Amino acid sequence: MKLIQVLANGLLALGFLAGTAHGSILPYASVSSAVIVEDIQYITELSNSLRQIAVGITRWTIARSGKAAVDGLKQIVNAWSDDLKKWESSSKSLWIQGAPITDPADAKPICAAFHAFVEAHKAAVVALTDKSSEFGKTPLQSPMVAALRDDEAIVDAVVYYFFDAVPPCRADVKQDWQTLEVSLLEAVGAYESGFLFNLDRDYILPHVSASSAVIVEDIQYITNLSNSLRQTAVGITRGTIAGSGKAAIDGLKQIVNPWSDDLQKWGSSSFTNPADAKPICAAFHAFVEAHQNALVLLIDKRPAFSFTPFDSPMAAALRQDEHIVDSIAYYLIDAVPPCGADIEKDLRSIEASLKSALDAFEQFIVFNLHRGTDLKEYL
């Protein structure tokens, strides 16, 4: 059965490549063990630099050193992403790229290099966790959460690659992965646990206010973006994924960015009069319904993202979407107390839809990067 599954996935890959106007999506690559080791060592140095930055974070240096830490994490994520593209073949099919690295003499240096990265990165992540309180009540907390989430996702992607491409390293990589995963989850938990308290809006948001009508209009604008995203999702097929898949990712980003701008524009607005509050709650409810419709369609279209470079960016965009929707909902719960309970209900509903979408795409990345084989034997 496994052989049939592998062959079927391979045929799907070849069929997709043949039907793509631009030919291969990722570059063909066949790199030596020495090149992979060198790439990992470079990222290990980036992690060592990140640790040094984290050590210097204080309440007084947060504006500069906090931003440097966020940028440092992004630099690590981008470097891993570039390396995966270099190491991988266009279809992620073993017989197109060639045999995996099975010679222990070639594999062991990769195992050792990855272990050194894990040690360095774990030290950096622990240092960042220790400094999480310094990010409280600053506009850098949300970007740090997003960067940690991206870091978690790219490390998973690298591990899944090594499981398949460097079989002699599986046991060592798995052990290192589990160790680093614990530290990353603790870091994400530390920064996200303070996220609600970060909405002390008199501190992090400007001392401005907007009328109820303005907030309703802003929400309606983003609702229209969600409707447009749904129309984009309708058109996603395996044959159109190069255009429509990217458009869907861009559509999600277009939703995230205005929400961030709106939080700053709304500032310390607060509405205790039901006549002002209820139109805002109704507008948010309409957004939730529109956005859920778009998410349902994206979930339905997830197979079209297989064997393309768009699955991981879609998962990352969904993570950003999840974070900003949470931020908006928590803001509104505080800003419109007469119908805050309705906002909470809508938040629980859309969080369930976002979780389903994230589960679909993040699970898909596991199988996509594992290139057709069953991951269960390694976990």
Protein backbone atom coordinates (compact mmCIF):
# COMPACT_ATOMS: atom_id res chain seq x y z
CA MET A 1 0.00 0.00 0.00
CA LYS A 2 2.82 2.39 0.83
CA LEU A 3 4.44 1.79 -2.56
CA ILE A 4 1.12 2.53 -4.27
CA GLN A 5 0.74 5.70 -2.20
CA VAL A 6 4.25 6.88 -3.10
CA LEU A 7 3.71 6.14 -6.80
CA ALA A 8 0.36 7.93 -6.78
CA ASN A 9 1.83 11.00 -5.15
CA GLY A 10 4.69 10.96 -7.61
CA LEU A 11 2.33 10.81 -10.57
CA LEU A 12 0.39 13.74 -9.12
CA ALA A 13 3.61 15.69 -8.89
CA LEU A 14 4.60 14.92 -12.47
CA GLY A 15 1.12 15.75 -13.71
CA PHE A 16 1.21 19.08 -11.91
CA LEU A 17 4.62 19.97 -13.33
CA ALA A 18 3.55 19.06 -16.84
CA GLY A 19 0.51 21.30 -16.53
CA THR A 20 2.37 24.33 -15.19
CA ALA A 21 3.18 27.00 -17.70
CA HIS A 22 6.40 27.96 -15.98
CA GLY A 23 7.71 24.41 -15.71
CA SER A 24 9.26 23.61 -12.33
CA ILE A 25 8.27 25.78 -9.37
CA LEU A 26 11.33 25.16 -7.21
CA PRO A 27 14.84 24.88 -8.64
CA TYR A 28 16.35 21.47 -9.23
CA ALA A 29 19.04 20.95 -6.67
CA SER A 30 21.54 18.30 -5.67
CA VAL A 31 23.85 19.53 -2.94
CA SER A 32 26.66 17.82 -1.09
CA SER A 33 26.76 17.01 2.60
CA ALA A 34 29.48 19.67 3.02
CA VAL A 35 27.25 22.37 1.54
CA ILE A 36 24.34 21.44 3.83
CA VAL A 37 26.66 21.50 6.85
CA GLU A 38 27.99 24.91 5.86
CA ASP A 39 24.44 26.26 5.46
CA ILE A 40 23.44 24.97 8.90
CA GLN A 41 26.57 26.42 10.50
CA TYR A 42 25.74 29.85 9.07
CA ILE A 43 22.29 29.74 10.66
CA THR A 44 23.84 28.54 13.92
CA GLU A 45 25.89 31.72 13.94
CA LEU A 46 22.71 33.73 13.39
CA SER A 47 21.22 32.00 16.45
CA ASN A 48 24.31 32.84 18.50
CA SER A 49 23.94 36.48 17.45
CA LEU A 50 20.25 36.40 18.39
CA ARG A 51 21.16 35.16 21.86
CA GLN A 52 23.57 38.06 22.33
CA ILE A 53 20.84 40.48 21.29
CA ALA A 54 18.34 38.88 23.69
CA VAL A 55 20.77 39.16 26.61
CA GLY A 56 20.91 42.93 26.08
CA ILE A 57 17.13 43.49 26.12
CA THR A 58 15.92 45.69 28.96
CA ARG A 59 12.93 47.94 29.48
CA TRP A 60 15.12 50.90 28.48
CA THR A 61 16.59 49.28 25.35
CA ILE A 62 13.44 47.49 24.17
CA ALA A 63 12.73 49.85 21.26
CA ARG A 64 16.09 49.07 19.66
CA SER A 65 17.05 45.64 20.98
CA GLY A 66 13.49 44.28 20.84
CA LYS A 67 13.21 45.16 17.17
CA ALA A 68 16.67 43.69 16.56
CA ALA A 69 15.51 40.42 18.17
CA VAL A 70 12.40 40.25 15.97
CA ASP A 71 14.54 40.99 12.90
CA GLY A 72 17.05 38.35 14.01
CA LEU A 73 14.37 35.69 14.16
CA LYS A 74 13.08 36.71 10.73
CA GLN A 75 16.62 36.46 9.35
CA ILE A 76 16.89 32.89 10.63
CA VAL A 77 13.51 31.95 9.15
CA ASN A 78 14.42 33.43 5.76
CA ALA A 79 17.80 31.68 5.72
CA TRP A 80 16.19 28.28 6.41
CA SER A 81 13.57 28.95 3.75
CA ASP A 82 16.25 29.77 1.16
CA ASP A 83 18.21 26.66 2.11
CA LEU A 84 15.20 24.38 1.73
CA LYS A 85 14.65 25.74 -1.75
CA LYS A 86 18.29 25.11 -2.58
CA TRP A 87 18.31 21.59 -1.17
CA GLU A 88 14.94 20.46 -2.51
CA SER A 89 13.97 19.36 -6.00
CA SER A 90 11.07 20.94 -7.88
CA SER A 91 8.55 18.21 -7.18
CA LYS A 92 9.87 16.87 -3.87
CA SER A 93 10.00 13.47 -5.51
CA LEU A 94 12.94 11.24 -4.54
CA TRP A 95 13.51 9.68 -7.93
CA ILE A 96 13.63 13.08 -9.62
CA GLN A 97 16.18 14.52 -7.22
CA GLY A 98 18.09 11.26 -6.75
CA ALA A 99 18.70 9.04 -3.75
CA PRO A 100 18.77 10.52 -0.23
CA ILE A 101 22.01 10.76 1.73
CA THR A 102 22.37 7.27 3.18
CA ASP A 103 26.14 7.00 3.68
CA PRO A 104 26.81 7.54 7.41
CA ALA A 105 30.11 9.27 6.54
CA ASP A 106 28.10 11.97 4.70
CA ALA A 107 25.11 11.97 7.06
CA LYS A 108 26.84 12.23 10.45
CA PRO A 109 28.30 15.73 9.85
CA ILE A 110 24.78 16.94 9.01
CA CYS A 111 23.44 15.39 12.24
CA ALA A 112 26.21 17.08 14.23
CA ALA A 113 25.66 20.45 12.54
CA PHE A 114 21.91 20.32 13.20
CA HIS A 115 22.55 19.37 16.84
CA ALA A 116 24.85 22.39 17.21
CA PHE A 117 22.15 24.60 15.70
CA VAL A 118 19.55 23.25 18.13
CA GLU A 119 21.82 23.95 21.11
CA ALA A 120 22.51 27.51 19.93
CA HIS A 121 18.91 28.23 18.97
CA LYS A 122 17.54 26.78 22.19
CA ALA A 123 19.84 29.10 24.15
CA ALA A 124 18.56 32.06 22.12
CA VAL A 125 14.92 31.06 22.57
CA VAL A 126 15.38 30.59 26.33
CA ALA A 127 16.98 34.03 26.54
CA LEU A 128 14.03 35.52 24.64
CA THR A 129 11.59 33.72 26.96
CA ASP A 130 13.33 35.26 29.97
CA LYS A 131 12.85 38.70 28.40
CA SER A 132 9.15 38.28 27.53
CA SER A 133 8.07 40.62 30.34
CA GLU A 134 10.11 43.45 28.77
CA PHE A 135 7.92 43.22 25.65
CA GLY A 136 4.73 43.67 27.68
CA LYS A 137 2.76 46.81 26.89
CA THR A 138 4.88 47.53 23.81
CA PRO A 139 3.96 47.29 20.12
CA LEU A 140 6.76 44.70 19.67
CA GLN A 141 5.01 41.87 21.47
CA SER A 142 2.72 40.88 18.59
CA PRO A 143 5.56 40.90 16.00
CA MET A 144 7.64 38.71 18.35
CA VAL A 145 4.78 36.22 18.66
CA ALA A 146 4.42 36.09 14.87
CA ALA A 147 8.19 35.68 14.42
CA LEU A 148 8.30 32.84 16.97
CA ARG A 149 5.41 31.12 15.19
CA ASP A 150 7.22 31.43 11.86
CA ASP A 151 10.39 30.11 13.50
CA GLU A 152 8.49 27.13 14.89
CA ALA A 153 7.02 26.36 11.46
CA ILE A 154 10.33 26.59 9.55
CA VAL A 155 12.15 24.39 12.08
CA ASP A 156 9.42 21.78 11.62
CA ALA A 157 9.85 22.03 7.85
CA VAL A 158 13.62 21.52 8.09
CA VAL A 159 13.16 18.53 10.39
CA TYR A 160 10.69 16.88 8.02
CA TYR A 161 13.16 17.39 5.19
CA PHE A 162 15.97 15.72 7.14
CA PHE A 163 13.72 12.79 8.13
CA ASP A 164 13.45 11.92 4.47
CA ALA A 165 16.63 13.24 2.87
CA VAL A 166 19.13 12.07 5.52
CA PRO A 167 17.79 8.74 6.92
CA PRO A 168 20.80 7.98 9.17
CA CYS A 169 20.01 11.20 11.09
CA ARG A 170 16.38 10.41 11.84
CA ALA A 171 16.82 9.35 15.47
CA ASP A 172 19.23 12.18 16.32
CA VAL A 173 17.19 14.82 14.50
CA LYS A 174 13.99 13.63 16.16
CA GLN A 175 15.56 13.89 19.63
CA ASP A 176 16.96 17.36 18.91
CA TRP A 177 13.64 18.46 17.43
CA GLN A 178 11.68 17.38 20.52
CA THR A 179 14.10 19.31 22.75
CA LEU A 180 13.88 22.49 20.69
CA GLU A 181 10.11 22.16 20.29
CA VAL A 182 9.68 22.33 24.07
CA SER A 183 11.67 25.58 24.24
CA LEU A 184 9.77 27.10 21.30
CA LEU A 185 6.38 26.22 22.80
CA GLU A 186 7.42 27.76 26.11
CA ALA A 187 8.53 30.93 24.33
CA VAL A 188 5.31 31.21 22.32
CA GLY A 189 3.30 30.57 25.49
CA ALA A 190 5.21 33.22 27.41
CA TYR A 191 4.60 35.90 24.79
CA GLU A 192 1.02 34.92 23.97
CA SER A 193 -0.02 34.63 27.62
CA GLY A 194 0.65 38.32 28.06
CA PHE A 195 -1.09 39.27 24.87
CA LEU A 196 -4.41 40.13 26.51
CA PHE A 197 -2.69 42.30 29.06
CA ASN A 198 -0.91 44.04 26.23
CA LEU A 199 -4.24 45.58 25.35
CA ASP A 200 -3.81 48.21 28.05
CA ARG A 201 -4.68 50.60 25.27
CA ASP A 202 -3.78 53.78 27.11
CA TYR A 203 -0.16 52.66 26.93
CA ILE A 204 0.37 51.00 23.56
CA LEU A 205 -2.25 52.77 21.47
CA PRO A 206 -2.30 56.49 20.71
CA HIS A 207 -4.53 58.82 22.67
CA VAL A 208 -6.98 59.21 19.83
CA SER A 209 -10.51 58.03 19.32
CA ALA A 210 -12.81 57.25 16.44
CA SER A 211 -16.57 57.47 16.14
CA SER A 212 -18.77 54.38 16.04
CA ALA A 213 -19.60 55.14 12.39
CA VAL A 214 -15.91 55.21 11.43
CA ILE A 215 -15.20 51.88 13.12
CA VAL A 216 -18.22 50.30 11.42
CA GLU A 217 -17.02 51.60 8.05
CA ASP A 218 -13.52 50.22 8.66
CA ILE A 219 -14.89 46.78 9.57
CA GLN A 220 -17.14 46.76 6.52
CA TYR A 221 -14.14 47.51 4.30
CA ILE A 222 -12.32 44.45 5.64
CA THR A 223 -15.49 42.39 5.28
CA ASN A 224 -15.41 43.26 1.57
CA LEU A 225 -11.78 42.08 1.45
CA SER A 226 -12.90 38.77 2.95
CA ASN A 227 -15.61 38.46 0.30
CA SER A 228 -12.96 39.12 -2.37
CA LEU A 229 -10.76 36.44 -0.80
CA ARG A 230 -13.66 34.01 -1.05
CA GLN A 231 -14.02 34.77 -4.77
CA THR A 232 -10.29 34.19 -5.22
CA ALA A 233 -10.54 30.86 -3.39
CA VAL A 234 -13.38 29.73 -5.66
CA GLY A 235 -11.03 29.94 -8.63
CA ILE A 236 -8.21 27.87 -7.12
CA THR A 237 -7.47 24.68 -9.03
CA ARG A 238 -4.32 22.66 -9.62
CA GLY A 239 -4.03 24.30 -13.01
CA THR A 240 -4.43 27.87 -11.72
CA ILE A 241 -2.56 27.54 -8.42
CA ALA A 242 0.45 29.59 -9.58
CA GLY A 243 -1.77 32.65 -9.97
CA SER A 244 -4.73 32.03 -7.68
CA GLY A 245 -2.71 30.50 -4.83
CA LYS A 246 -0.48 33.54 -4.61
CA ALA A 247 -3.53 35.81 -4.93
CA ALA A 248 -5.16 34.03 -1.96
CA ILE A 249 -2.04 34.51 0.19
CA ASP A 250 -1.87 38.17 -0.82
CA GLY A 251 -5.59 38.48 -0.06
CA LEU A 252 -5.05 37.27 3.50
CA LYS A 253 -2.17 39.72 3.94
CA GLN A 254 -4.40 42.54 2.66
CA ILE A 255 -6.81 41.70 5.47
CA VAL A 256 -4.10 41.59 8.16
CA ASN A 257 -2.54 44.95 7.29
CA PRO A 258 -5.69 47.13 7.47
CA TRP A 259 -6.65 45.55 10.80
CA SER A 260 -3.28 46.63 12.21
CA ASP A 261 -3.76 50.15 10.86
CA ASP A 262 -7.28 50.29 12.28
CA LEU A 263 -6.11 49.44 15.81
CA GLN A 264 -3.83 52.46 15.72
CA LYS A 265 -6.53 54.69 14.24
CA TRP A 266 -9.19 53.66 16.75
CA GLY A 267 -6.85 54.28 19.67
CA SER A 268 -8.60 54.51 23.02
CA SER A 269 -12.14 54.59 21.66
CA SER A 270 -14.80 53.27 24.04
CA PHE A 271 -18.57 53.05 23.62
CA THR A 272 -20.85 52.45 26.58
CA ASN A 273 -24.00 53.64 24.84
CA PRO A 274 -25.75 50.63 23.22
CA ALA A 275 -26.82 52.82 20.30
CA ASP A 276 -23.14 53.32 19.43
CA ALA A 277 -21.88 49.86 20.42
CA LYS A 278 -24.38 47.57 18.70
CA PRO A 279 -23.63 48.68 15.10
CA ILE A 280 -19.97 47.83 15.74
CA CYS A 281 -20.88 44.38 17.07
CA ALA A 282 -23.18 43.78 14.08
CA ALA A 283 -20.40 44.81 11.67
CA PHE A 284 -17.93 42.47 13.36
CA HIS A 285 -20.46 39.62 13.18
CA ALA A 286 -20.84 40.22 9.43
CA PHE A 287 -17.06 40.16 9.04
CA VAL A 288 -16.84 36.87 10.94
CA GLU A 289 -19.44 35.25 8.68
CA ALA A 290 -17.71 36.50 5.52
CA HIS A 291 -14.28 35.45 6.74
CA GLN A 292 -15.50 32.00 7.76
CA ASN A 293 -16.93 31.49 4.28
CA ALA A 294 -13.54 32.36 2.81
CA LEU A 295 -11.73 30.02 5.23
CA VAL A 296 -14.07 27.12 4.44
CA LEU A 297 -13.29 27.48 0.75
CA LEU A 298 -9.55 27.66 1.40
CA ILE A 299 -9.77 24.42 3.39
CA ASP A 300 -11.67 22.80 0.51
CA LYS A 301 -8.94 23.91 -1.90
CA ARG A 302 -5.98 22.74 0.17
CA PRO A 303 -5.18 19.72 -2.10
CA ALA A 304 -4.42 22.15 -4.94
CA PHE A 305 -1.57 23.55 -2.84
CA SER A 306 0.18 20.16 -2.80
CA PHE A 307 3.63 20.02 -4.42
CA THR A 308 3.76 23.83 -4.70
CA PRO A 309 5.72 26.47 -2.79
CA PHE A 310 2.46 28.09 -1.63
CA ASP A 311 1.43 25.74 1.18
CA SER A 312 3.90 27.02 3.78
CA PRO A 313 3.28 30.73 3.00
CA MET A 314 -0.46 30.07 3.27
CA ALA A 315 0.01 28.51 6.71
CA ALA A 316 2.11 31.52 7.77
CA ALA A 317 -0.52 33.95 6.45
CA LEU A 318 -3.22 32.08 8.35
CA ARG A 319 -1.15 32.37 11.54
CA GLN A 320 -0.89 36.13 11.07
CA ASP A 321 -4.61 36.27 10.34
CA GLU A 322 -5.33 34.36 13.56
CA HIS A 323 -3.21 36.75 15.64
CA ILE A 324 -4.72 39.94 14.24
CA VAL A 325 -8.31 38.68 14.50
CA ASP A 326 -7.65 37.84 18.16
CA SER A 327 -6.23 41.34 18.70
CA ILE A 328 -9.24 43.01 17.09
CA ALA A 329 -11.74 40.90 19.02
CA TYR A 330 -10.06 41.54 22.38
CA TYR A 331 -9.93 45.25 21.59
CA LEU A 332 -13.64 45.32 20.75
CA ILE A 333 -14.61 43.29 23.81
CA ASP A 334 -13.08 46.06 25.88
CA ALA A 335 -14.26 48.95 23.68
CA VAL A 336 -17.95 47.98 23.32
CA PRO A 337 -19.03 46.53 26.69
CA PRO A 338 -22.79 46.64 25.89
CA CYS A 339 -22.32 43.81 23.37
CA GLY A 340 -18.93 42.41 24.40
CA ALA A 341 -20.54 39.00 24.94
CA ASP A 342 -21.55 38.92 21.27
CA ILE A 343 -17.96 39.67 20.22
CA GLU A 344 -16.73 36.83 22.47
CA LYS A 345 -19.18 34.43 20.84
CA ASP A 346 -18.07 35.47 17.35
CA LEU A 347 -14.43 35.16 18.41
CA ARG A 348 -14.91 31.57 19.58
CA SER A 349 -16.65 30.78 16.32
CA ILE A 350 -13.97 32.22 14.03
CA GLU A 351 -11.17 30.78 16.17
CA ALA A 352 -12.62 27.32 15.47
CA SER A 353 -12.63 28.05 11.72
CA LEU A 354 -9.07 29.38 11.81
CA LYS A 355 -7.92 26.34 13.78
CA SER A 356 -9.46 24.05 11.15
CA ALA A 357 -7.70 25.96 8.37
CA LEU A 358 -4.37 25.91 10.20
CA ASP A 359 -4.69 22.20 10.97
CA ALA A 360 -5.42 21.50 7.32
CA PHE A 361 -2.51 23.48 5.90
CA GLU A 362 0.05 22.75 8.61
CA GLN A 363 -0.74 19.03 8.49
CA PHE A 364 -0.46 19.24 4.72
CA ILE A 365 3.02 20.76 5.02
CA VAL A 366 4.10 17.68 6.97
CA PHE A 367 3.09 15.33 4.18
CA ASN A 368 4.20 17.73 1.47
CA LEU A 369 7.70 18.04 2.86
CA HIS A 370 7.85 14.34 3.60
CA ARG A 371 7.30 13.78 -0.10
CA GLY A 372 4.62 11.15 -0.17
CA THR A 373 5.62 8.72 2.56
CA ASP A 374 3.89 8.07 5.87
CA LEU A 375 5.35 10.23 8.64
CA LYS A 376 3.89 8.12 11.45
CA GLU A 377 6.79 5.66 11.42
CA TYR A 378 9.11 8.47 12.52
CA LEU A 379 6.97 10.07 15.23
